[in-house]
Each structure stands twice: as structure tokens, then as C-alpha cells.
Amino acid sequence: MKIAFFASSLVSAYWNGAATYYRGIVRALHERGHEVTFYEPDAYDRQKHRDIPDPPWAKVVVYSAQSEAEVLQTVEQARGADLVVKASGVGVHDALLEKAVLDLQRPGTLVAFWDVDAPATLDRVHGDASDAFRPLIPRYDIVLTYGGGEPVRQAYRGLGARDCVPIYNALDPSTHHPVPPEPRFACDLAFLGNRLPDREARVEEFFLRAAAQLAERRMLLGGSGWGDKPLPGNVQYLGHVYTADHNAFNCTPLAVLNVSRESMARYGFSPATRVFEAAGAAACLITDAWEGLETFFEPGTEVLVARNGDEVAQHVRTLDAARAREIGQAAYRRVLAEHTYAHRAAQVDAVLEGCGARPVLAEAA
């Protein structure tokens, strides 16, 4: 199958939290025999902050997004693909792309919307009856999401989606795996995540509040945008951490922290990429509590769960190296057995096989 994928970036994780997800999915689809062309705009200085070269498992097309005409010319290059994917959060000309890809829809060409931030999309659409994306939803052959579970599925179906299927984050064992610890990442608790409006208050609660209670412990904060944030004295800010350093960042600390964005915690069933990256590195993960967590990992055995910063601090106080290793190894076994991108790509194939039998709506033909 020839797949055309319009999304933020495959080659740069700079201000692009979905990069690991895209890489894992696209690589696994390639390994199943599909031919993927990934179209990404030259935007947000991502091309200046590439962390991988063009990979052998996808053709990368970087296009200029200075004008709508240039975007439409790029979309036309995808004509004739067996599957055209418009991902959410491209970052430039999203509304134009959401409409333009539907012009490629015809018998033999499926068009899918792949939502990598379904809570934000649904909140926006439900909050604005005139949102331009809303009437387009029923025209897509299928909506795929990287999280959200049944609440997101029902929400999209309520908006007219023919079907909505979660394709969750996962692990690519070839890129995220245990490595020797690095002294520069040595600490008791580390958190990696960009500064975003609907995450900041939760980072303050689960990470900074915990750090303030553990003044004798060393903490690390990685991710873009935190440079002017007041931090407790025991927190060292690292700035953007490149993908190549993620394994050491996860393997070295006593524990690593996951803090969900507010919208994802509210919808549940939305494990962040960092959850599987940490498990793939056999790290001891402490996560904020969210509905559906037990679908992926067993609390207390494969992951430690906290409802607030006080509980994060308590986990760190009582955790020793042996217990941390035990939890990390249990998570590592679980993720390899059930949550790799090979598992997810097989699911995508099964979903698309069923989707291909559906007729194309007359108004979208």
C-alpha cells in the first residue's frame, strides 16, 4: 500500500511531541510492506533542529508552507496513493489541509484523519459549532487517534465519524531501549516534557511541588520552554533533550515522572509517548493517575501511580534502587509483549482492511 502522510515532522522532535509516535508507526508500517511518503512543512525551525536524517523506511518531503498555493501543490503530489493521512497539529495551514486531502478521496484511495491530540480537537469542535473541521469529519473514511479510549470514540461518532479507532502510543525497541547510565542525568527524579498551557499547572503540582518537599534530592527537568520558570533550588533545567539522549535520560535517574496534559488526563486512556519510552528503557516510572492506566501497565508492579505532588514525593522517599529496578524490569517485559509499534501497525492493517470495504460518500467522491 502507498501511504501519503501529512503531519508535523518525522525528522525533528523540536517542539514536536508526536515525533516518536510518527517514527514508530511509519517504520512499523514500512516493515509490514507499505511504502510511506511523509509530507512535513518547513516550519518552527524544525529543519534546523533535526535529530535524525531522512530514514530508509520513509520518503520525506519537506515543503514550503509560505502560501496556500504551495500547500495545495504538495497535496496534489499525493494523488493516487492508496491511503492519504492528515494528522492533527501540522501547525501551519491545518484547516486547508483537512479540506484539501478530501479532494483525493475516491474508490481505491482512502482518506483518514489521524488525531494525535483528540482531547484538544474535540474540546475545540464542541466549543465552536462553526469550527471548519466539524462538517468534514463524516467525510473521512476513518478517524484514528493515539489515545482517548471509548470516550473519544463516542465523541467522534457523535460528530458523524464513520468510525474512530485508537492506535495508542507504543515502543520502538530499536530506538528506545536500556543503555548504560550517564552521570549528567544522575538524579532522584526526572521529568521530560515541553511547556504547554494545559500541562503547566499539573507539572507545578506533580513535579515542582514534589521537588520542593525533597530539597535534599536532585531533580532534572527537560523540555522546551521552561527557561524563565521559577524552579526550586534542587531542580536543574536541561532545555531541549534530543531524541538520541532519551534512553540515557530514562535509564539513569532513580525514577522518571510522567505528567499528562490536563485534557488527556480528563479523557483518560491517553498514555503519552514518554510512558512507553521509559518502559522501553526499563526505567522506574511514576505517573499521575488517569483512567485506563491499568489497560497498559499494572499499578504498583509495573508503574507507580500518584494523585498529587505529595504522593510523588512519598514514592521518591520510599524508593530504593532495588525496588526501582524491579518495577522497571516488569514494565519492560510488559511493553515488549504487548505495546510495540509492530503491534500497533498490525492493528492499523486490520482496521484499514475493514475500512476498504466501505463505499465512498457521494459528496466526497
Foldseek 3Di string as FASTA:
>chain_A
DEEEEEAQDQFFCAVPQCNVVVVQQQQLLLVVPYAYEYEAECDPCRVVHGPHDPDPSYHYHYWHQPDLVRVLVVLVVCQPGQEYEYEPDSPGCSLVVLVSNLLSDDQSYAYEYEYACLLVVLVVCVVDVVPSNLVSQLQHLEYEYQWQPPVSQVSSVVSNHPGYYYLHAAADLVQFAADDADPVLEWAEEEEDADDDQQVVQCCKAPQVLCVVPVVTAYEYEYADCPPPDGPPRYDYDYHDRSNCLLNNLQRHLAYEDGDGPSDQVSFGHDRNNVNSNLRNLFAYEYEDGPPPVVQPDDPQQYDYDPTNVVSNVCSVPGDNVSRNRNSPRSNVRRVVAGGSNNSNVVVVVVVVVSSVDHRDPVSD
